[in-house]
Amino acid sequence: QVQLVESGGGLVQAGDSLRLSCAASGRPFNLGIMSWFRQAPGMEREFVAAIGRGGGVPFIAEPAKGRFTISRVSANTMYLQMNKLKPEDTAVYYCAADQSVGLVHDASEYDYWGHGTQVTVSS
């Protein structure tokens, strides 16, 4: 079993930055894909970004392009650097992972999830 733990959320003002972290542990331990999703109140869970095991070409959702950067510094640790935050970025941010997925933006493809970290951006 794999455990994912997110950290780094908080309350910030519009235009500020935050860096979210996701740490993976447990066995089996061969996470081919690690991703970030977010869920705002009353909304469906939304894909934000994904990155492969080797930190190769990342996938970034359109609302995050140019502002968010995903990185993977090891097989077990992933970051989401969020700059120029907007009030509409307010959500619970979840780390998700799996050995492989068919569609990186499809939340139902992932077997492993963290409990989430709250990001609140005030205007």
PDB file of N, CA and C in Angstrom:
ATOM      1  N   GLN A   1       0.845  -1.199   0.000  1.00  0.00           N
ATOM      2  CA  GLN A   1       0.000   0.000   0.000  1.00  0.00           C
ATOM      3  C   GLN A   1       0.873   1.239   0.000  1.00  0.00           C
ATOM      4  N   VAL A   2       0.388   2.288  -0.623  1.00  0.00           N
ATOM      5  CA  VAL A   2       1.109   3.559  -0.720  1.00  0.00           C
ATOM      6  C   VAL A   2       0.362   4.619   0.063  1.00  0.00           C
ATOM      7  N   GLN A   3       1.094   5.408   0.813  1.00  0.00           N
ATOM      8  CA  GLN A   3       0.512   6.541   1.520  1.00  0.00           C
ATOM      9  C   GLN A   3       1.057   7.828   0.924  1.00  0.00           C
ATOM     10  N   LEU A   4       0.168   8.800   0.735  1.00  0.00           N
ATOM     11  CA  LEU A   4       0.535  10.102   0.207  1.00  0.00           C
ATOM     12  C   LEU A   4       0.160  11.167   1.231  1.00  0.00           C
ATOM     13  N   VAL A   5       1.088  12.068   1.482  1.00  0.00           N
ATOM     14  CA  VAL A   5       0.843  13.141   2.442  1.00  0.00           C
ATOM     15  C   VAL A   5       1.177  14.476   1.792  1.00  0.00           C
ATOM     16  N   GLU A   6       0.184  15.360   1.742  1.00  0.00           N
ATOM     17  CA  GLU A   6       0.383  16.693   1.198  1.00  0.00           C
ATOM     18  C   GLU A   6       0.687  17.677   2.332  1.00  0.00           C
ATOM     19  N   SER A   7       1.396  18.743   1.992  1.00  0.00           N
ATOM     20  CA  SER A   7       1.642  19.825   2.934  1.00  0.00           C
ATOM     21  C   SER A   7       1.889  21.100   2.149  1.00  0.00           C
ATOM     22  N   GLY A   8       1.829  22.220   2.853  1.00  0.00           N
ATOM     23  CA  GLY A   8       2.178  23.494   2.236  1.00  0.00           C
ATOM     24  C   GLY A   8       1.016  24.411   1.945  1.00  0.00           C
ATOM     25  N   GLY A   9      -0.205  23.954   2.185  1.00  0.00           N
ATOM     26  CA  GLY A   9      -1.338  24.823   1.945  1.00  0.00           C
ATOM     27  C   GLY A   9      -1.416  25.949   2.958  1.00  0.00           C
ATOM     28  N   GLY A  10      -2.345  26.882   2.706  1.00  0.00           N
ATOM     29  CA  GLY A  10      -2.501  27.985   3.632  1.00  0.00           C
ATOM     30  C   GLY A  10      -3.398  29.056   3.088  1.00  0.00           C
ATOM     31  N   LEU A  11      -3.459  30.161   3.820  1.00  0.00           N
ATOM     32  CA  LEU A  11      -4.248  31.328   3.437  1.00  0.00           C
ATOM     33  C   LEU A  11      -3.302  32.407   2.931  1.00  0.00           C
ATOM     34  N   VAL A  12      -3.511  32.829   1.697  1.00  0.00           N
ATOM     35  CA  VAL A  12      -2.658  33.851   1.099  1.00  0.00           C
ATOM     36  C   VAL A  12      -3.529  34.876   0.393  1.00  0.00           C
ATOM     37  N   GLN A  13      -2.890  35.957  -0.035  1.00  0.00           N
ATOM     38  CA  GLN A  13      -3.598  36.980  -0.801  1.00  0.00           C
ATOM     39  C   GLN A  13      -3.386  36.752  -2.296  1.00  0.00           C
ATOM     40  N   ALA A  14      -4.280  37.305  -3.081  1.00  0.00           N
ATOM     41  CA  ALA A  14      -4.156  37.211  -4.539  1.00  0.00           C
ATOM     42  C   ALA A  14      -2.796  37.766  -4.962  1.00  0.00           C
ATOM     43  N   GLY A  15      -2.128  37.045  -5.864  1.00  0.00           N
ATOM     44  CA  GLY A  15      -0.816  37.442  -6.327  1.00  0.00           C
ATOM     45  C   GLY A  15       0.336  36.790  -5.584  1.00  0.00           C
ATOM     46  N   ASP A  16       0.037  36.194  -4.442  1.00  0.00           N
ATOM     47  CA  ASP A  16       1.082  35.522  -3.649  1.00  0.00           C
ATOM     48  C   ASP A  16       1.427  34.157  -4.247  1.00  0.00           C
ATOM     49  N   SER A  17       2.389  33.517  -3.620  1.00  0.00           N
ATOM     50  CA  SER A  17       2.850  32.197  -4.053  1.00  0.00           C
ATOM     51  C   SER A  17       2.760  31.197  -2.906  1.00  0.00           C
ATOM     52  N   LEU A  18       2.624  29.938  -3.264  1.00  0.00           N
ATOM     53  CA  LEU A  18       2.690  28.827  -2.323  1.00  0.00           C
ATOM     54  C   LEU A  18       3.383  27.660  -3.008  1.00  0.00           C
ATOM     55  N   ARG A  19       4.032  26.821  -2.206  1.00  0.00           N
ATOM     56  CA  ARG A  19       4.584  25.577  -2.729  1.00  0.00           C
ATOM     57  C   ARG A  19       3.994  24.417  -1.954  1.00  0.00           C
ATOM     58  N   LEU A  20       3.306  23.573  -2.670  1.00  0.00           N
ATOM     59  CA  LEU A  20       2.750  22.366  -2.078  1.00  0.00           C
ATOM     60  C   LEU A  20       3.728  21.208  -2.244  1.00  0.00           C
ATOM     61  N   SER A  21       3.754  20.341  -1.252  1.00  0.00           N
ATOM     62  CA  SER A  21       4.603  19.153  -1.303  1.00  0.00           C
ATOM     63  C   SER A  21       3.748  17.899  -1.173  1.00  0.00           C
ATOM     64  N   CYS A  22       4.199  16.838  -1.802  1.00  0.00           N
ATOM     65  CA  CYS A  22       3.567  15.531  -1.660  1.00  0.00           C
ATOM     66  C   CYS A  22       4.675  14.512  -1.412  1.00  0.00           C
ATOM     67  N   ALA A  23       4.566  13.816  -0.292  1.00  0.00           N
ATOM     68  CA  ALA A  23       5.543  12.783   0.055  1.00  0.00           C
ATOM     69  C   ALA A  23       4.856  11.426   0.025  1.00  0.00           C
ATOM     70  N   ALA A  24       5.468  10.487  -0.680  1.00  0.00           N
ATOM     71  CA  ALA A  24       4.912   9.146  -0.805  1.00  0.00           C
ATOM     72  C   ALA A  24       5.728   8.159   0.018  1.00  0.00           C
ATOM     73  N   SER A  25       5.037   7.210   0.620  1.00  0.00           N
ATOM     74  CA  SER A  25       5.714   6.168   1.390  1.00  0.00           C
ATOM     75  C   SER A  25       4.918   4.877   1.302  1.00  0.00           C
ATOM     76  N   GLY A  26       5.531   3.781   1.781  1.00  0.00           N
ATOM     77  CA  GLY A  26       4.828   2.502   1.805  1.00  0.00           C
ATOM     78  C   GLY A  26       5.266   1.598   0.678  1.00  0.00           C
ATOM     79  N   ARG A  27       4.646   0.460   0.579  1.00  0.00           N
ATOM     80  CA  ARG A  27       4.962  -0.536  -0.449  1.00  0.00           C
ATOM     81  C   ARG A  27       3.670  -1.074  -1.031  1.00  0.00           C
ATOM     82  N   PRO A  28       3.594  -1.445  -2.294  1.00  0.00           N
ATOM     83  CA  PRO A  28       4.659  -1.333  -3.260  1.00  0.00           C
ATOM     84  C   PRO A  28       4.995   0.112  -3.582  1.00  0.00           C
ATOM     85  N   PHE A  29       6.104   0.268  -4.202  1.00  0.00           N
ATOM     86  CA  PHE A  29       6.626   1.609  -4.315  1.00  0.00           C
ATOM     87  C   PHE A  29       7.239   1.832  -5.704  1.00  0.00           C
ATOM     88  N   ASN A  30       6.386   1.977  -6.669  1.00  0.00           N
ATOM     89  CA  ASN A  30       6.856   2.197  -8.033  1.00  0.00           C
ATOM     90  C   ASN A  30       5.850   3.106  -8.718  1.00  0.00           C
ATOM     91  N   LEU A  31       5.864   4.359  -8.315  1.00  0.00           N
ATOM     92  CA  LEU A  31       4.860   5.290  -8.792  1.00  0.00           C
ATOM     93  C   LEU A  31       5.307   5.902 -10.113  1.00  0.00           C
ATOM     94  N   GLY A  32       4.690   5.446 -11.187  1.00  0.00           N
ATOM     95  CA  GLY A  32       5.063   5.960 -12.490  1.00  0.00           C
ATOM     96  C   GLY A  32       4.553   7.353 -12.741  1.00  0.00           C
ATOM     97  N   ILE A  33       3.427   7.715 -12.132  1.00  0.00           N
ATOM     98  CA  ILE A  33       2.831   9.013 -12.364  1.00  0.00           C
ATOM     99  C   ILE A  33       2.385   9.591 -11.016  1.00  0.00           C
ATOM    100  N   MET A  34       2.685  10.853 -10.804  1.00  0.00           N
ATOM    101  CA  MET A  34       2.206  11.583  -9.644  1.00  0.00           C
ATOM    102  C   MET A  34       1.539  12.854 -10.145  1.00  0.00           C
ATOM    103  N   SER A  35       0.415  13.205  -9.524  1.00  0.00           N
ATOM    104  CA  SER A  35      -0.382  14.304 -10.040  1.00  0.00           C
ATOM    105  C   SER A  35      -0.982  15.133  -8.913  1.00  0.00           C
ATOM    106  N   TRP A  36      -1.425  16.319  -9.281  1.00  0.00           N
ATOM    107  CA  TRP A  36      -2.181  17.189  -8.397  1.00  0.00           C
ATOM    108  C   TRP A  36      -3.579  17.389  -8.972  1.00  0.00           C
ATOM    109  N   PHE A  37      -4.557  17.264  -8.096  1.00  0.00           N
ATOM    110  CA  PHE A  37      -5.932  17.611  -8.392  1.00  0.00           C
ATOM    111  C   PHE A  37      -6.388  18.635  -7.359  1.00  0.00           C
ATOM    112  N   ARG A  38      -7.477  19.307  -7.635  1.00  0.00           N
ATOM    113  CA  ARG A  38      -8.046  20.216  -6.654  1.00  0.00           C
ATOM    114  C   ARG A  38      -9.572  20.135  -6.707  1.00  0.00           C
ATOM    115  N   GLN A  39     -10.159  20.476  -5.579  1.00  0.00           N
ATOM    116  CA  GLN A  39     -11.608  20.435  -5.499  1.00  0.00           C
ATOM    117  C   GLN A  39     -12.100  21.621  -4.685  1.00  0.00           C
ATOM    118  N   ALA A  40     -12.856  22.479  -5.318  1.00  0.00           N
ATOM    119  CA  ALA A  40     -13.473  23.614  -4.655  1.00  0.00           C
ATOM    120  C   ALA A  40     -14.845  23.190  -4.135  1.00  0.00           C
ATOM    121  N   PRO A  41     -15.381  23.896  -3.164  1.00  0.00           N
ATOM    122  CA  PRO A  41     -16.689  23.537  -2.607  1.00  0.00           C
ATOM    123  C   PRO A  41     -17.764  23.488  -3.686  1.00  0.00           C
ATOM    124  N   GLY A  42     -18.516  22.394  -3.713  1.00  0.00           N
ATOM    125  CA  GLY A  42     -19.599  22.247  -4.667  1.00  0.00           C
ATOM    126  C   GLY A  42     -19.174  21.911  -6.074  1.00  0.00           C
ATOM    127  N   MET A  43     -17.871  21.705  -6.271  1.00  0.00           N
ATOM    128  CA  MET A  43     -17.351  21.447  -7.615  1.00  0.00           C
ATOM    129  C   MET A  43     -16.775  20.039  -7.680  1.00  0.00           C
ATOM    130  N   GLU A  44     -16.615  19.530  -8.909  1.00  0.00           N
ATOM    131  CA  GLU A  44     -15.960  18.238  -9.086  1.00  0.00           C
ATOM    132  C   GLU A  44     -14.451  18.387  -8.934  1.00  0.00           C
ATOM    133  N   ARG A  45     -13.829  17.262  -8.639  1.00  0.00           N
ATOM    134  CA  ARG A  45     -12.376  17.277  -8.537  1.00  0.00           C
ATOM    135  C   ARG A  45     -11.784  17.567  -9.916  1.00  0.00           C
ATOM    136  N   GLU A  46     -10.798  18.448  -9.943  1.00  0.00           N
ATOM    137  CA  GLU A  46     -10.260  19.002 -11.193  1.00  0.00           C
ATOM    138  C   GLU A  46      -8.773  18.714 -11.299  1.00  0.00           C
ATOM    139  N   PHE A  47      -8.351  18.259 -12.458  1.00  0.00           N
ATOM    140  CA  PHE A  47      -6.940  18.006 -12.702  1.00  0.00           C
ATOM    141  C   PHE A  47      -6.161  19.308 -12.750  1.00  0.00           C
ATOM    142  N   VAL A  48      -4.968  19.306 -12.128  1.00  0.00           N
ATOM    143  CA  VAL A  48      -4.111  20.481 -12.137  1.00  0.00           C
ATOM    144  C   VAL A  48      -2.826  20.217 -12.910  1.00  0.00           C
ATOM    145  N   ALA A  49      -2.111  19.150 -12.541  1.00  0.00           N
ATOM    146  CA  ALA A  49      -0.825  18.883 -13.176  1.00  0.00           C
ATOM    147  C   ALA A  49      -0.390  17.458 -12.880  1.00  0.00           C
ATOM    148  N   ALA A  50       0.465  16.918 -13.741  1.00  0.00           N
ATOM    149  CA  ALA A  50       0.985  15.557 -13.558  1.00  0.00           C
ATOM    150  C   ALA A  50       2.422  15.505 -14.029  1.00  0.00           C
ATOM    151  N   ILE A  51       3.162  14.536 -13.467  1.00  0.00           N
ATOM    152  CA  ILE A  51       4.556  14.376 -13.852  1.00  0.00           C
ATOM    153  C   ILE A  51       4.943  12.911 -13.727  1.00  0.00           C
ATOM    154  N   GLY A  52       5.801  12.441 -14.627  1.00  0.00           N
ATOM    155  CA  GLY A  52       6.227  11.057 -14.620  1.00  0.00           C
ATOM    156  C   GLY A  52       7.334  10.794 -13.620  1.00  0.00           C
ATOM    157  N   ARG A  53       7.733   9.531 -13.512  1.00  0.00           N
ATOM    158  CA  ARG A  53       8.713   9.123 -12.515  1.00  0.00           C
ATOM    159  C   ARG A  53      10.042   9.835 -12.703  1.00  0.00           C
ATOM    160  N   GLY A  54      10.479   9.976 -13.923  1.00  0.00           N
ATOM    161  CA  GLY A  54      11.766  10.613 -14.172  1.00  0.00           C
ATOM    162  C   GLY A  54      11.700  12.119 -14.224  1.00  0.00           C
ATOM    163  N   GLY A  55      10.558  12.694 -13.879  1.00  0.00           N
ATOM    164  CA  GLY A  55      10.422  14.138 -13.931  1.00  0.00           C
ATOM    165  C   GLY A  55      10.414  14.681 -15.342  1.00  0.00           C
ATOM    166  N   GLY A  56       9.982  13.840 -16.279  1.00  0.00           N
ATOM    167  CA  GLY A  56       9.994  14.234 -17.678  1.00  0.00           C
ATOM    168  C   GLY A  56       8.975  15.303 -17.978  1.00  0.00           C
ATOM    169  N   VAL A  57       8.536  15.346 -19.221  1.00  0.00           N
ATOM    170  CA  VAL A  57       7.632  16.405 -19.677  1.00  0.00           C
ATOM    171  C   VAL A  57       6.358  16.388 -18.840  1.00  0.00           C
ATOM    172  N   PRO A  58       6.095  17.454 -18.111  1.00  0.00           N
ATOM    173  CA  PRO A  58       4.911  17.470 -17.264  1.00  0.00           C
ATOM    174  C   PRO A  58       3.661  17.823 -18.055  1.00  0.00           C
ATOM    175  N   PHE A  59       2.501  17.481 -17.499  1.00  0.00           N
ATOM    176  CA  PHE A  59       1.214  17.888 -18.043  1.00  0.00           C
ATOM    177  C   PHE A  59       0.637  18.947 -17.114  1.00  0.00           C
ATOM    178  N   ILE A  60       0.237  20.068 -17.670  1.00  0.00           N
ATOM    179  CA  ILE A  60      -0.313  21.162 -16.883  1.00  0.00           C
ATOM    180  C   ILE A  60      -1.679  21.524 -17.454  1.00  0.00           C
ATOM    181  N   ALA A  61      -2.676  21.621 -16.569  1.00  0.00           N
ATOM    182  CA  ALA A  61      -4.002  22.019 -17.022  1.00  0.00           C
ATOM    183  C   ALA A  61      -3.998  23.484 -17.434  1.00  0.00           C
ATOM    184  N   GLU A  62      -4.873  23.832 -18.324  1.00  0.00           N
ATOM    185  CA  GLU A  62      -4.887  25.172 -18.898  1.00  0.00           C
ATOM    186  C   GLU A  62      -4.971  26.280 -17.854  1.00  0.00           C
ATOM    187  N   PRO A  63      -5.840  26.171 -16.836  1.00  0.00           N
ATOM    188  CA  PRO A  63      -5.923  27.265 -15.843  1.00  0.00           C
ATOM    189  C   PRO A  63      -4.624  27.496 -15.072  1.00  0.00           C
ATOM    190  N   ALA A  64      -3.752  26.489 -15.076  1.00  0.00           N
ATOM    191  CA  ALA A  64      -2.514  26.581 -14.303  1.00  0.00           C
ATOM    192  C   ALA A  64      -1.302  26.956 -15.154  1.00  0.00           C
ATOM    193  N   LYS A  65      -1.430  26.878 -16.441  1.00  0.00           N
ATOM    194  CA  LYS A  65      -0.289  27.144 -17.306  1.00  0.00           C
ATOM    195  C   LYS A  65       0.223  28.566 -17.127  1.00  0.00           C
ATOM    196  N   GLY A  66       1.541  28.671 -17.049  1.00  0.00           N
ATOM    197  CA  GLY A  66       2.161  29.984 -16.883  1.00  0.00           C
ATOM    198  C   GLY A  66       2.227  30.448 -15.443  1.00  0.00           C
ATOM    199  N   ARG A  67       1.515  29.762 -14.532  1.00  0.00           N
ATOM    200  CA  ARG A  67       1.526  30.164 -13.120  1.00  0.00           C
ATOM    201  C   ARG A  67       2.003  29.048 -12.202  1.00  0.00           C
ATOM    202  N   PHE A  68       1.667  27.823 -12.531  1.00  0.00           N
ATOM    203  CA  PHE A  68       2.016  26.672 -11.688  1.00  0.00           C
ATOM    204  C   PHE A  68       3.116  25.857 -12.356  1.00  0.00           C
ATOM    205  N   THR A  69       4.003  25.318 -11.529  1.00  0.00           N
ATOM    206  CA  THR A  69       5.058  24.435 -12.012  1.00  0.00           C
ATOM    207  C   THR A  69       5.080  23.177 -11.162  1.00  0.00           C
ATOM    208  N   ILE A  70       5.080  22.025 -11.820  1.00  0.00           N
ATOM    209  CA  ILE A  70       5.155  20.759 -11.106  1.00  0.00           C
ATOM    210  C   ILE A  70       6.562  20.204 -11.246  1.00  0.00           C
ATOM    211  N   SER A  71       7.072  19.637 -10.174  1.00  0.00           N
ATOM    212  CA  SER A  71       8.403  19.050 -10.224  1.00  0.00           C
ATOM    213  C   SER A  71       8.436  17.799  -9.359  1.00  0.00           C
ATOM    214  N   ARG A  72       9.374  16.944  -9.671  1.00  0.00           N
ATOM    215  CA  ARG A  72       9.536  15.683  -8.933  1.00  0.00           C
ATOM    216  C   ARG A  72      11.018  15.507  -8.661  1.00  0.00           C
ATOM    217  N   VAL A  73      11.391  15.667  -7.414  1.00  0.00           N
ATOM    218  CA  VAL A  73      12.809  15.670  -7.073  1.00  0.00           C
ATOM    219  C   VAL A  73      13.331  14.282  -6.747  1.00  0.00           C
ATOM    220  N   SER A  74      12.417  13.331  -6.538  1.00  0.00           N
ATOM    221  CA  SER A  74      12.804  11.950  -6.308  1.00  0.00           C
ATOM    222  C   SER A  74      11.604  11.084  -6.676  1.00  0.00           C
ATOM    223  N   ALA A  75      11.750   9.789  -6.562  1.00  0.00           N
ATOM    224  CA  ALA A  75      10.626   8.902  -6.868  1.00  0.00           C
ATOM    225  C   ALA A  75       9.466   9.126  -5.915  1.00  0.00           C
ATOM    226  N   ASN A  76       9.765   9.699  -4.736  1.00  0.00           N
ATOM    227  CA  ASN A  76       8.767   9.772  -3.675  1.00  0.00           C
ATOM    228  C   ASN A  76       8.293  11.181  -3.353  1.00  0.00           C
ATOM    229  N   THR A  77       8.883  12.186  -3.958  1.00  0.00           N
ATOM    230  CA  THR A  77       8.591  13.565  -3.556  1.00  0.00           C
ATOM    231  C   THR A  77       8.263  14.425  -4.765  1.00  0.00           C
ATOM    232  N   MET A  78       7.149  15.121  -4.656  1.00  0.00           N
ATOM    233  CA  MET A  78       6.666  15.970  -5.747  1.00  0.00           C
ATOM    234  C   MET A  78       6.282  17.327  -5.167  1.00  0.00           C
ATOM    235  N   TYR A  79       6.456  18.369  -5.985  1.00  0.00           N
ATOM    236  CA  TYR A  79       6.086  19.707  -5.571  1.00  0.00           C
ATOM    237  C   TYR A  79       5.145  20.333  -6.597  1.00  0.00           C
ATOM    238  N   LEU A  80       4.374  21.305  -6.113  1.00  0.00           N
ATOM    239  CA  LEU A  80       3.601  22.166  -6.993  1.00  0.00           C
ATOM    240  C   LEU A  80       3.874  23.600  -6.559  1.00  0.00           C
ATOM    241  N   GLN A  81       4.633  24.306  -7.371  1.00  0.00           N
ATOM    242  CA  GLN A  81       4.905  25.712  -7.121  1.00  0.00           C
ATOM    243  C   GLN A  81       3.797  26.520  -7.762  1.00  0.00           C
ATOM    244  N   MET A  82       3.098  27.283  -6.959  1.00  0.00           N
ATOM    245  CA  MET A  82       1.959  28.067  -7.442  1.00  0.00           C
ATOM    246  C   MET A  82       2.275  29.546  -7.275  1.00  0.00           C
ATOM    247  N   ASN A  83       2.344  30.242  -8.380  1.00  0.00           N
ATOM    248  CA  ASN A  83       2.615  31.678  -8.379  1.00  0.00           C
ATOM    249  C   ASN A  83       1.404  32.441  -8.881  1.00  0.00           C
ATOM    250  N   LYS A  84       1.390  33.721  -8.570  1.00  0.00           N
ATOM    251  CA  LYS A  84       0.307  34.597  -9.036  1.00  0.00           C
ATOM    252  C   LYS A  84      -1.052  33.979  -8.729  1.00  0.00           C
ATOM    253  N   LEU A  85      -1.234  33.573  -7.495  1.00  0.00           N
ATOM    254  CA  LEU A  85      -2.466  32.899  -7.120  1.00  0.00           C
ATOM    255  C   LEU A  85      -3.666  33.829  -7.245  1.00  0.00           C
ATOM    256  N   LYS A  86      -4.796  33.226  -7.600  1.00  0.00           N
ATOM    257  CA  LYS A  86      -6.045  33.944  -7.783  1.00  0.00           C
ATOM    258  C   LYS A  86      -7.094  33.386  -6.829  1.00  0.00           C
ATOM    259  N   PRO A  87      -8.108  34.156  -6.498  1.00  0.00           N
ATOM    260  CA  PRO A  87      -9.170  33.625  -5.631  1.00  0.00           C
ATOM    261  C   PRO A  87      -9.799  32.350  -6.185  1.00  0.00           C
ATOM    262  N   GLU A  88      -9.864  32.225  -7.485  1.00  0.00           N
ATOM    263  CA  GLU A  88     -10.453  31.010  -8.078  1.00  0.00           C
ATOM    264  C   GLU A  88      -9.559  29.781  -7.934  1.00  0.00           C
ATOM    265  N   ASP A  89      -8.348  29.964  -7.434  1.00  0.00           N
ATOM    266  CA  ASP A  89      -7.491  28.814  -7.126  1.00  0.00           C
ATOM    267  C   ASP A  89      -7.827  28.212  -5.764  1.00  0.00           C
ATOM    268  N   THR A  90      -8.706  28.849  -5.029  1.00  0.00           N
ATOM    269  CA  THR A  90      -9.090  28.346  -3.720  1.00  0.00           C
ATOM    270  C   THR A  90      -9.731  26.966  -3.847  1.00  0.00           C
ATOM    271  N   ALA A  91      -9.167  25.991  -3.135  1.00  0.00           N
ATOM    272  CA  ALA A  91      -9.640  24.612  -3.207  1.00  0.00           C
ATOM    273  C   ALA A  91      -8.827  23.759  -2.234  1.00  0.00           C
ATOM    274  N   VAL A  92      -9.283  22.537  -2.049  1.00  0.00           N
ATOM    275  CA  VAL A  92      -8.450  21.530  -1.412  1.00  0.00           C
ATOM    276  C   VAL A  92      -7.629  20.879  -2.520  1.00  0.00           C
ATOM    277  N   TYR A  93      -6.333  20.837  -2.319  1.00  0.00           N
ATOM    278  CA  TYR A  93      -5.421  20.273  -3.316  1.00  0.00           C
ATOM    279  C   TYR A  93      -5.015  18.874  -2.866  1.00  0.00           C
ATOM    280  N   TYR A  94      -5.165  17.931  -3.788  1.00  0.00           N
ATOM    281  CA  TYR A  94      -4.884  16.528  -3.507  1.00  0.00           C
ATOM    282  C   TYR A  94      -3.720  16.026  -4.352  1.00  0.00           C
ATOM    283  N   CYS A  95      -2.917  15.221  -3.736  1.00  0.00           N
ATOM    284  CA  CYS A  95      -1.882  14.479  -4.435  1.00  0.00           C
ATOM    285  C   CYS A  95      -2.447  13.116  -4.815  1.00  0.00           C
ATOM    286  N   ALA A  96      -2.197  12.690  -6.035  1.00  0.00           N
ATOM    287  CA  ALA A  96      -2.650  11.387  -6.510  1.00  0.00           C
ATOM    288  C   ALA A  96      -1.483  10.693  -7.203  1.00  0.00           C
ATOM    289  N   ALA A  97      -1.488   9.360  -7.151  1.00  0.00           N
ATOM    290  CA  ALA A  97      -0.381   8.626  -7.761  1.00  0.00           C
ATOM    291  C   ALA A  97      -0.822   7.227  -8.158  1.00  0.00           C
ATOM    292  N   ASP A  98      -0.066   6.661  -9.083  1.00  0.00           N
ATOM    293  CA  ASP A  98      -0.317   5.292  -9.502  1.00  0.00           C
ATOM    294  C   ASP A  98       0.892   4.817 -10.303  1.00  0.00           C
ATOM    295  N   GLN A  99       0.968   3.505 -10.525  1.00  0.00           N
ATOM    296  CA  GLN A  99       2.060   2.984 -11.355  1.00  0.00           C
ATOM    297  C   GLN A  99       1.933   3.506 -12.778  1.00  0.00           C
ATOM    298  N   SER A 100       0.717   3.482 -13.308  1.00  0.00           N
ATOM    299  CA  SER A 100       0.459   4.030 -14.630  1.00  0.00           C
ATOM    300  C   SER A 100      -1.023   4.344 -14.727  1.00  0.00           C
ATOM    301  N   VAL A 101      -1.355   5.273 -15.588  1.00  0.00           N
ATOM    302  CA  VAL A 101      -2.754   5.615 -15.831  1.00  0.00           C
ATOM    303  C   VAL A 101      -2.954   5.796 -17.326  1.00  0.00           C
ATOM    304  N   GLY A 102      -4.219   5.644 -17.758  1.00  0.00           N
ATOM    305  CA  GLY A 102      -4.505   5.848 -19.169  1.00  0.00           C
ATOM    306  C   GLY A 102      -4.659   7.318 -19.503  1.00  0.00           C
ATOM    307  N   LEU A 103      -5.414   8.021 -18.672  1.00  0.00           N
ATOM    308  CA  LEU A 103      -5.662   9.441 -18.877  1.00  0.00           C
ATOM    309  C   LEU A 103      -5.239  10.183 -17.620  1.00  0.00           C
ATOM    310  N   VAL A 104      -4.203  10.988 -17.702  1.00  0.00           N
ATOM    311  CA  VAL A 104      -3.651  11.616 -16.502  1.00  0.00           C
ATOM    312  C   VAL A 104      -4.634  12.575 -15.853  1.00  0.00           C
ATOM    313  N   HIS A 105      -5.591  13.102 -16.603  1.00  0.00           N
ATOM    314  CA  HIS A 105      -6.508  14.081 -16.064  1.00  0.00           C
ATOM    315  C   HIS A 105      -7.762  13.449 -15.461  1.00  0.00           C
ATOM    316  N   ASP A 106      -7.868  12.129 -15.545  1.00  0.00           N
ATOM    317  CA  ASP A 106      -9.052  11.417 -15.062  1.00  0.00           C
ATOM    318  C   ASP A 106      -8.810  10.918 -13.646  1.00  0.00           C
ATOM    319  N   ALA A 107      -9.490  11.518 -12.676  1.00  0.00           N
ATOM    320  CA  ALA A 107      -9.266  11.164 -11.277  1.00  0.00           C
ATOM    321  C   ALA A 107      -9.585   9.699 -10.995  1.00  0.00           C
ATOM    322  N   SER A 108     -10.516   9.122 -11.715  1.00  0.00           N
ATOM    323  CA  SER A 108     -10.898   7.730 -11.462  1.00  0.00           C
ATOM    324  C   SER A 108      -9.790   6.745 -11.818  1.00  0.00           C
ATOM    325  N   GLU A 109      -8.776   7.191 -12.525  1.00  0.00           N
ATOM    326  CA  GLU A 109      -7.675   6.316 -12.926  1.00  0.00           C
ATOM    327  C   GLU A 109      -6.687   6.045 -11.794  1.00  0.00           C
ATOM    328  N   TYR A 110      -6.711   6.867 -10.767  1.00  0.00           N
ATOM    329  CA  TYR A 110      -5.674   6.806  -9.734  1.00  0.00           C
ATOM    330  C   TYR A 110      -6.115   5.954  -8.549  1.00  0.00           C
ATOM    331  N   ASP A 111      -5.203   5.107  -8.088  1.00  0.00           N
ATOM    332  CA  ASP A 111      -5.487   4.252  -6.936  1.00  0.00           C
ATOM    333  C   ASP A 111      -5.132   4.900  -5.606  1.00  0.00           C
ATOM    334  N   TYR A 112      -4.171   5.790  -5.607  1.00  0.00           N
ATOM    335  CA  TYR A 112      -3.645   6.334  -4.349  1.00  0.00           C
ATOM    336  C   TYR A 112      -3.895   7.842  -4.273  1.00  0.00           C
ATOM    337  N   TRP A 113      -4.394   8.247  -3.103  1.00  0.00           N
ATOM    338  CA  TRP A 113      -4.733   9.645  -2.866  1.00  0.00           C
ATOM    339  C   TRP A 113      -4.291  10.067  -1.483  1.00  0.00           C
ATOM    340  N   GLY A 114      -3.882  11.336  -1.375  1.00  0.00           N
ATOM    341  CA  GLY A 114      -3.656  11.921  -0.081  1.00  0.00           C
ATOM    342  C   GLY A 114      -4.959  12.484   0.470  1.00  0.00           C
ATOM    343  N   HIS A 115      -4.865  13.040   1.671  1.00  0.00           N
ATOM    344  CA  HIS A 115      -6.057  13.593   2.326  1.00  0.00           C
ATOM    345  C   HIS A 115      -6.321  15.045   1.922  1.00  0.00           C
ATOM    346  N   GLY A 116      -5.373  15.662   1.269  1.00  0.00           N
ATOM    347  CA  GLY A 116      -5.565  17.014   0.773  1.00  0.00           C
ATOM    348  C   GLY A 116      -5.014  18.086   1.687  1.00  0.00           C
ATOM    349  N   THR A 117      -4.728  19.240   1.093  1.00  0.00           N
ATOM    350  CA  THR A 117      -4.286  20.404   1.844  1.00  0.00           C
ATOM    351  C   THR A 117      -5.065  21.614   1.319  1.00  0.00           C
ATOM    352  N   GLN A 118      -5.552  22.432   2.234  1.00  0.00           N
ATOM    353  CA  GLN A 118      -6.417  23.556   1.866  1.00  0.00           C
ATOM    354  C   GLN A 118      -5.579  24.738   1.393  1.00  0.00           C
ATOM    355  N   VAL A 119      -5.969  25.291   0.258  1.00  0.00           N
ATOM    356  CA  VAL A 119      -5.390  26.530  -0.248  1.00  0.00           C
ATOM    357  C   VAL A 119      -6.521  27.542  -0.359  1.00  0.00           C
ATOM    358  N   THR A 120      -6.346  28.660   0.310  1.00  0.00           N
ATOM    359  CA  THR A 120      -7.344  29.722   0.272  1.00  0.00           C
ATOM    360  C   THR A 120      -6.671  31.007  -0.169  1.00  0.00           C
ATOM    361  N   VAL A 121      -7.211  31.605  -1.229  1.00  0.00           N
ATOM    362  CA  VAL A 121      -6.648  32.834  -1.775  1.00  0.00           C
ATOM    363  C   VAL A 121      -7.686  33.935  -1.623  1.00  0.00           C
ATOM    364  N   SER A 122      -7.327  34.935  -0.870  1.00  0.00           N
ATOM    365  CA  SER A 122      -8.245  36.051  -0.658  1.00  0.00           C
ATOM    366  C   SER A 122      -7.986  37.153  -1.678  1.00  0.00           C
ATOM    367  N   SER A 123      -9.038  37.886  -1.992  1.00  0.00           N
ATOM    368  CA  SER A 123      -8.915  38.948  -3.006  1.00  0.00           C
ATOM    369  C   SER A 123      -8.520  40.272  -2.377  1.00  0.00           C
TER     370      SER A 123
END
